[in-house]
Every structure is written in C-alpha cells, then in structure tokens.
Amino acid sequence: MTRKPKRTNKPEVVKNDLLNAAGRILVTNGIQAFTLELVAREANVSKGGLLHHFPNKKALLDGLFMREMDLFRHEMLASMQDDPVAFGRSARAYIGFNHDGAKETPVIIRHLLAAMLIDPQLSQEWLQHYWSVIRSIGLFENMTPALLLACMAADGLSLWDILEADILDQNMRDSLHNLMVQLTQAPDKAG
C-alpha cells in the first residue's frame, strides 16, 4: 500500500521531517545510495514537496549538516555545564558525545563527516563551519597533549564505528573510554 504524501501548512514540520528522513537514509544506506527519491518516500512527502524546501541533494545535505552541528554544539555545551571540574571539561564532553552511540546525532554526524572526506566540495564548504563550532565550545582552549590525545582517540573510535569495525567488545570500549577520561583529569590527578 502506498502512503499518501503529507499535506500540511506547517513548513517547518515538513522540513524537519525531511531532515530526519535524510539522516535515517544516510545512516542506513550510506552516502552513495542517498537519493532525493528515497528521502521523500521515507518522509512521506512528494518529491516536489522536498524540492520546495531543498532544491537539490546538496542543499538537503547542507541543511542536515547545519542542523546536526547545531545539535552537537547544544549537546556539548549542556554536557559541559553539568561537569563541575573546569580542567578538561570540553574534552570530557567530546569524549562522552562520541562514546555512547545511543544518541542519533553522533551517528549522523559521523556519516556526514565521512561524506565530507570523500567529497572535496563538501569538505571545502563544511570544514570552516565544523571548526567554528568546535572552537565555539572551547575544545582547544588550554589544550594539553593529553587532552588532545584523548580527543583524537575518541575520533579514532568514531572512525571505527563508521567503518563498522567489530573488533572491540563492550568491555574494551568501556576500558578505552575510561582511559580517555583519565587523560582529561588535571595533570596531578591523571594516573
């Protein structure tokens, strides 16, 4: 049975539905199989409705990237606000953001960053915004080699997740996470 496309006078709702569908398609099918037709069908919106909000595939990906980076920034700032220890706060938030995998946002961002790595145009256009968001959360303020190493290790595990490497069991992942967190402690408290 074919679902009838949505008809609504709530353009922001439709736009958000399209971005949610785009995220699901990207994570499920990968960038190579990402099409406007799939996104429209997943969002239960006509292709014309999709094109009204996003005139092409790149505009849709740009919208998804901007939304996910905004969510990333808000989640990072909220996590940092909950951390009472100033030293290493942003690095711990970054490591925590990349650790759980239960949240949808990190998975979508990982796939968007992977797409950025294989598409020079996306890379050129998104890199500045990416680093602007990273700097806005203070990740590189008062950076030490240990903090940088912890963040790079979190990035490495994210890359393994993108590549669907099933080399590590949950105990090893938890041990690595704990070690990364130890690296974010004040120098006199790190083991």
C-alpha atoms as a PDB file:
ATOM      1  CA  MET A   1       0.000   0.000   0.000  1.00  0.00           C
ATOM      2  CA  THR A   2       1.424   3.360  -0.993  1.00  0.00           C
ATOM      3  CA  ARG A   3       1.312   6.073   1.646  1.00  0.00           C
ATOM      4  CA  LYS A   4      -0.202   9.340   0.577  1.00  0.00           C
ATOM      5  CA  PRO A   5       2.227  12.284   0.801  1.00  0.00           C
ATOM      6  CA  LYS A   6       1.644  14.702   3.669  1.00  0.00           C
ATOM      7  CA  ARG A   7      -0.236  17.888   3.008  1.00  0.00           C
ATOM      8  CA  THR A   8       0.371  20.455   5.727  1.00  0.00           C
ATOM      9  CA  ASN A   9       0.600  24.169   6.199  1.00  0.00           C
ATOM     10  CA  LYS A  10       3.452  23.702   8.646  1.00  0.00           C
ATOM     11  CA  PRO A  11       6.580  24.087   6.512  1.00  0.00           C
ATOM     12  CA  GLU A  12       8.968  23.784   9.468  1.00  0.00           C
ATOM     13  CA  VAL A  13       7.419  20.439  10.414  1.00  0.00           C
ATOM     14  CA  VAL A  14       7.802  19.148   6.849  1.00  0.00           C
ATOM     15  CA  LYS A  15      11.358  20.472   6.648  1.00  0.00           C
ATOM     16  CA  ASN A  16      12.234  18.753   9.945  1.00  0.00           C
ATOM     17  CA  ASP A  17      10.606  15.503   8.753  1.00  0.00           C
ATOM     18  CA  LEU A  18      12.725  15.695   5.594  1.00  0.00           C
ATOM     19  CA  LEU A  19      15.919  16.256   7.603  1.00  0.00           C
ATOM     20  CA  ASN A  20      15.050  13.361   9.929  1.00  0.00           C
ATOM     21  CA  ALA A  21      14.412  11.107   6.930  1.00  0.00           C
ATOM     22  CA  ALA A  22      17.666  12.264   5.308  1.00  0.00           C
ATOM     23  CA  GLY A  23      19.567  11.343   8.474  1.00  0.00           C
ATOM     24  CA  ARG A  24      17.998   7.887   8.602  1.00  0.00           C
ATOM     25  CA  ILE A  25      18.727   7.256   4.907  1.00  0.00           C
ATOM     26  CA  LEU A  26      22.320   8.444   5.272  1.00  0.00           C
ATOM     27  CA  VAL A  27      22.963   6.188   8.267  1.00  0.00           C
ATOM     28  CA  THR A  28      21.118   3.177   6.838  1.00  0.00           C
ATOM     29  CA  ASN A  29      22.137   3.329   3.178  1.00  0.00           C
ATOM     30  CA  GLY A  30      25.288   5.463   3.120  1.00  0.00           C
ATOM     31  CA  ILE A  31      26.066   8.496   1.008  1.00  0.00           C
ATOM     32  CA  GLN A  32      26.419   6.500  -2.221  1.00  0.00           C
ATOM     33  CA  ALA A  33      22.776   5.362  -2.083  1.00  0.00           C
ATOM     34  CA  PHE A  34      21.430   8.674  -0.736  1.00  0.00           C
ATOM     35  CA  THR A  35      18.794   9.990  -3.162  1.00  0.00           C
ATOM     36  CA  LEU A  36      16.095  12.627  -3.031  1.00  0.00           C
ATOM     37  CA  GLU A  37      13.526   9.989  -4.011  1.00  0.00           C
ATOM     38  CA  LEU A  38      14.423   7.825  -1.020  1.00  0.00           C
ATOM     39  CA  VAL A  39      14.297  10.780   1.362  1.00  0.00           C
ATOM     40  CA  ALA A  40      10.917  11.959   0.031  1.00  0.00           C
ATOM     41  CA  ARG A  41       9.481   8.452   0.318  1.00  0.00           C
ATOM     42  CA  GLU A  42      10.901   7.999   3.848  1.00  0.00           C
ATOM     43  CA  ALA A  43       9.438  11.359   4.949  1.00  0.00           C
ATOM     44  CA  ASN A  44       6.119  10.609   3.228  1.00  0.00           C
ATOM     45  CA  VAL A  45       6.447  13.833   1.225  1.00  0.00           C
ATOM     46  CA  SER A  46       6.211  14.235  -2.538  1.00  0.00           C
ATOM     47  CA  LYS A  47       9.453  14.857  -4.379  1.00  0.00           C
ATOM     48  CA  GLY A  48       8.056  18.270  -5.357  1.00  0.00           C
ATOM     49  CA  GLY A  49       7.456  18.995  -1.667  1.00  0.00           C
ATOM     50  CA  LEU A  50      11.038  18.037  -0.898  1.00  0.00           C
ATOM     51  CA  LEU A  51      12.320  20.240  -3.726  1.00  0.00           C
ATOM     52  CA  HIS A  52      10.277  23.139  -2.365  1.00  0.00           C
ATOM     53  CA  HIS A  53      12.351  23.029   0.833  1.00  0.00           C
ATOM     54  CA  PHE A  54      15.629  21.729  -0.584  1.00  0.00           C
ATOM     55  CA  PRO A  55      16.156  22.421  -4.310  1.00  0.00           C
ATOM     56  CA  ASN A  56      18.783  19.685  -4.697  1.00  0.00           C
ATOM     57  CA  LYS A  57      20.680  16.921  -2.921  1.00  0.00           C
ATOM     58  CA  LYS A  58      23.479  19.256  -1.830  1.00  0.00           C
ATOM     59  CA  ALA A  59      21.027  21.726  -0.254  1.00  0.00           C
ATOM     60  CA  LEU A  60      19.452  18.833   1.679  1.00  0.00           C
ATOM     61  CA  LEU A  61      22.849  17.601   2.874  1.00  0.00           C
ATOM     62  CA  ASP A  62      23.843  21.179   3.794  1.00  0.00           C
ATOM     63  CA  GLY A  63      20.649  21.551   5.827  1.00  0.00           C
ATOM     64  CA  LEU A  64      21.262  18.249   7.588  1.00  0.00           C
ATOM     65  CA  PHE A  65      24.886  19.151   8.328  1.00  0.00           C
ATOM     66  CA  MET A  66      23.981  22.567   9.760  1.00  0.00           C
ATOM     67  CA  ARG A  67      21.207  21.112  11.907  1.00  0.00           C
ATOM     68  CA  GLU A  68      23.345  18.285  13.242  1.00  0.00           C
ATOM     69  CA  MET A  69      26.260  20.607  14.018  1.00  0.00           C
ATOM     70  CA  ASP A  70      23.868  22.906  15.900  1.00  0.00           C
ATOM     71  CA  LEU A  71      22.546  19.925  17.896  1.00  0.00           C
ATOM     72  CA  PHE A  72      26.134  18.803  18.526  1.00  0.00           C
ATOM     73  CA  ARG A  73      27.035  22.265  19.856  1.00  0.00           C
ATOM     74  CA  HIS A  74      23.993  22.368  22.168  1.00  0.00           C
ATOM     75  CA  GLU A  75      24.608  18.835  23.481  1.00  0.00           C
ATOM     76  CA  MET A  76      28.273  19.601  24.101  1.00  0.00           C
ATOM     77  CA  LEU A  77      27.502  22.837  25.958  1.00  0.00           C
ATOM     78  CA  ALA A  78      24.845  21.090  28.078  1.00  0.00           C
ATOM     79  CA  SER A  79      27.294  18.318  28.978  1.00  0.00           C
ATOM     80  CA  MET A  80      29.984  20.854  29.839  1.00  0.00           C
ATOM     81  CA  GLN A  81      27.549  22.795  32.033  1.00  0.00           C
ATOM     82  CA  ASP A  82      26.879  19.606  34.024  1.00  0.00           C
ATOM     83  CA  ASP A  83      30.621  18.983  34.606  1.00  0.00           C
ATOM     84  CA  PRO A  84      31.781  20.713  37.816  1.00  0.00           C
ATOM     85  CA  VAL A  85      35.508  20.378  37.021  1.00  0.00           C
ATOM     86  CA  ALA A  86      36.789  23.111  34.703  1.00  0.00           C
ATOM     87  CA  PHE A  87      40.019  21.429  33.563  1.00  0.00           C
ATOM     88  CA  GLY A  88      39.329  19.106  30.625  1.00  0.00           C
ATOM     89  CA  ARG A  89      35.574  19.797  30.674  1.00  0.00           C
ATOM     90  CA  SER A  90      35.221  20.266  26.915  1.00  0.00           C
ATOM     91  CA  ALA A  91      37.386  17.220  26.155  1.00  0.00           C
ATOM     92  CA  ARG A  92      35.279  15.060  28.501  1.00  0.00           C
ATOM     93  CA  ALA A  93      32.098  16.289  26.825  1.00  0.00           C
ATOM     94  CA  TYR A  94      33.612  15.478  23.421  1.00  0.00           C
ATOM     95  CA  ILE A  95      34.680  12.014  24.540  1.00  0.00           C
ATOM     96  CA  GLY A  96      31.269  11.374  26.128  1.00  0.00           C
ATOM     97  CA  PHE A  97      29.489  12.546  22.999  1.00  0.00           C
ATOM     98  CA  ASN A  98      31.430  10.020  20.937  1.00  0.00           C
ATOM     99  CA  HIS A  99      31.195   7.206  23.493  1.00  0.00           C
ATOM    100  CA  ASP A 100      27.614   6.154  23.931  1.00  0.00           C
ATOM    101  CA  GLY A 101      26.262   5.661  20.425  1.00  0.00           C
ATOM    102  CA  ALA A 102      22.749   5.564  21.868  1.00  0.00           C
ATOM    103  CA  LYS A 103      22.050   9.066  20.601  1.00  0.00           C
ATOM    104  CA  GLU A 104      21.211   9.546  16.947  1.00  0.00           C
ATOM    105  CA  THR A 105      23.137  12.812  16.472  1.00  0.00           C
ATOM    106  CA  PRO A 106      26.670  11.391  16.763  1.00  0.00           C
ATOM    107  CA  VAL A 107      25.862   8.646  14.258  1.00  0.00           C
ATOM    108  CA  ILE A 108      24.528  11.129  11.705  1.00  0.00           C
ATOM    109  CA  ILE A 109      27.476  13.476  12.225  1.00  0.00           C
ATOM    110  CA  ARG A 110      29.901  10.587  11.736  1.00  0.00           C
ATOM    111  CA  HIS A 111      28.305   9.770   8.392  1.00  0.00           C
ATOM    112  CA  LEU A 112      28.247  13.419   7.340  1.00  0.00           C
ATOM    113  CA  LEU A 113      31.941  13.749   8.202  1.00  0.00           C
ATOM    114  CA  ALA A 114      32.657  10.579   6.222  1.00  0.00           C
ATOM    115  CA  ALA A 115      30.786  12.083   3.254  1.00  0.00           C
ATOM    116  CA  MET A 116      32.848  15.229   3.692  1.00  0.00           C
ATOM    117  CA  LEU A 117      36.055  13.219   3.483  1.00  0.00           C
ATOM    118  CA  ILE A 118      35.136  11.714   0.110  1.00  0.00           C
ATOM    119  CA  ASP A 119      33.627  14.837  -1.453  1.00  0.00           C
ATOM    120  CA  PRO A 120      36.068  17.744  -1.919  1.00  0.00           C
ATOM    121  CA  GLN A 121      33.251  20.256  -2.455  1.00  0.00           C
ATOM    122  CA  LEU A 122      31.508  19.307   0.794  1.00  0.00           C
ATOM    123  CA  SER A 123      34.839  19.315   2.582  1.00  0.00           C
ATOM    124  CA  GLN A 124      35.718  22.788   1.377  1.00  0.00           C
ATOM    125  CA  GLU A 125      32.302  24.175   2.310  1.00  0.00           C
ATOM    126  CA  TRP A 126      31.726  22.397   5.621  1.00  0.00           C
ATOM    127  CA  LEU A 127      35.210  22.493   7.163  1.00  0.00           C
ATOM    128  CA  GLN A 128      35.059  26.131   8.184  1.00  0.00           C
ATOM    129  CA  HIS A 129      31.696  25.661   9.883  1.00  0.00           C
ATOM    130  CA  TYR A 130      32.852  22.453  11.571  1.00  0.00           C
ATOM    131  CA  TRP A 131      35.935  24.103  13.089  1.00  0.00           C
ATOM    132  CA  SER A 132      33.932  27.190  14.033  1.00  0.00           C
ATOM    133  CA  VAL A 133      31.543  25.015  16.062  1.00  0.00           C
ATOM    134  CA  ILE A 134      34.422  23.054  17.625  1.00  0.00           C
ATOM    135  CA  ARG A 135      36.134  26.307  18.672  1.00  0.00           C
ATOM    136  CA  SER A 136      32.861  27.782  19.953  1.00  0.00           C
ATOM    137  CA  ILE A 137      32.633  25.063  22.605  1.00  0.00           C
ATOM    138  CA  GLY A 138      36.189  25.783  23.750  1.00  0.00           C
ATOM    139  CA  LEU A 139      37.592  22.394  22.844  1.00  0.00           C
ATOM    140  CA  PHE A 140      41.027  23.804  22.024  1.00  0.00           C
ATOM    141  CA  GLU A 141      41.275  26.304  24.858  1.00  0.00           C
ATOM    142  CA  ASN A 142      44.048  25.320  27.272  1.00  0.00           C
ATOM    143  CA  MET A 143      44.673  22.167  25.232  1.00  0.00           C
ATOM    144  CA  THR A 144      47.365  19.859  26.545  1.00  0.00           C
ATOM    145  CA  PRO A 145      48.920  16.880  24.757  1.00  0.00           C
ATOM    146  CA  ALA A 146      46.921  14.503  26.994  1.00  0.00           C
ATOM    147  CA  LEU A 147      43.619  16.267  26.214  1.00  0.00           C
ATOM    148  CA  LEU A 148      44.396  16.250  22.505  1.00  0.00           C
ATOM    149  CA  LEU A 149      45.316  12.565  22.617  1.00  0.00           C
ATOM    150  CA  ALA A 150      42.026  11.748  24.372  1.00  0.00           C
ATOM    151  CA  CYS A 151      40.012  13.636  21.716  1.00  0.00           C
ATOM    152  CA  MET A 152      41.957  12.006  18.892  1.00  0.00           C
ATOM    153  CA  ALA A 153      41.318   8.565  20.418  1.00  0.00           C
ATOM    154  CA  ALA A 154      37.571   9.356  20.528  1.00  0.00           C
ATOM    155  CA  ASP A 155      37.764  10.365  16.859  1.00  0.00           C
ATOM    156  CA  GLY A 156      39.548   7.096  16.074  1.00  0.00           C
ATOM    157  CA  LEU A 157      36.793   5.062  17.723  1.00  0.00           C
ATOM    158  CA  SER A 158      34.215   7.077  15.773  1.00  0.00           C
ATOM    159  CA  LEU A 159      36.050   6.208  12.568  1.00  0.00           C
ATOM    160  CA  TRP A 160      35.940   2.540  13.523  1.00  0.00           C
ATOM    161  CA  ASP A 161      32.194   2.920  14.063  1.00  0.00           C
ATOM    162  CA  ILE A 162      31.801   4.419  10.574  1.00  0.00           C
ATOM    163  CA  LEU A 163      33.785   1.504   9.158  1.00  0.00           C
ATOM    164  CA  GLU A 164      31.644  -0.891  11.203  1.00  0.00           C
ATOM    165  CA  ALA A 165      34.709  -2.468  12.773  1.00  0.00           C
ATOM    166  CA  ASP A 166      33.550  -5.066  15.271  1.00  0.00           C
ATOM    167  CA  ILE A 167      37.000  -5.704  16.680  1.00  0.00           C
ATOM    168  CA  LEU A 168      36.290  -4.316  20.159  1.00  0.00           C
ATOM    169  CA  ASP A 169      33.840  -5.776  22.614  1.00  0.00           C
ATOM    170  CA  GLN A 170      31.941  -3.512  25.008  1.00  0.00           C
ATOM    171  CA  ASN A 171      34.375  -4.140  27.877  1.00  0.00           C
ATOM    172  CA  MET A 172      37.318  -2.978  25.744  1.00  0.00           C
ATOM    173  CA  ARG A 173      35.370   0.078  24.558  1.00  0.00           C
ATOM    174  CA  ASP A 174      34.492   0.953  28.160  1.00  0.00           C
ATOM    175  CA  SER A 175      38.126   0.492  29.222  1.00  0.00           C
ATOM    176  CA  LEU A 176      39.299   2.760  26.399  1.00  0.00           C
ATOM    177  CA  HIS A 177      36.673   5.339  27.339  1.00  0.00           C
ATOM    178  CA  ASN A 178      37.825   5.280  30.969  1.00  0.00           C
ATOM    179  CA  LEU A 179      41.433   5.718  29.869  1.00  0.00           C
ATOM    180  CA  MET A 180      40.469   8.685  27.676  1.00  0.00           C
ATOM    181  CA  VAL A 181      38.622  10.249  30.622  1.00  0.00           C
ATOM    182  CA  GLN A 182      41.700   9.745  32.820  1.00  0.00           C
ATOM    183  CA  LEU A 183      43.711  11.706  30.260  1.00  0.00           C
ATOM    184  CA  THR A 184      41.345  14.661  30.786  1.00  0.00           C
ATOM    185  CA  GLN A 185      41.995  14.891  34.524  1.00  0.00           C
ATOM    186  CA  ALA A 186      44.197  17.626  35.950  1.00  0.00           C
ATOM    187  CA  PRO A 187      47.884  16.692  35.430  1.00  0.00           C
ATOM    188  CA  ASP A 188      48.370  15.921  39.116  1.00  0.00           C
ATOM    189  CA  LYS A 189      45.282  13.639  39.130  1.00  0.00           C
ATOM    190  CA  ALA A 190      45.865  11.699  35.898  1.00  0.00           C
ATOM    191  CA  GLY A 191      47.079   8.180  36.506  1.00  0.00           C
END
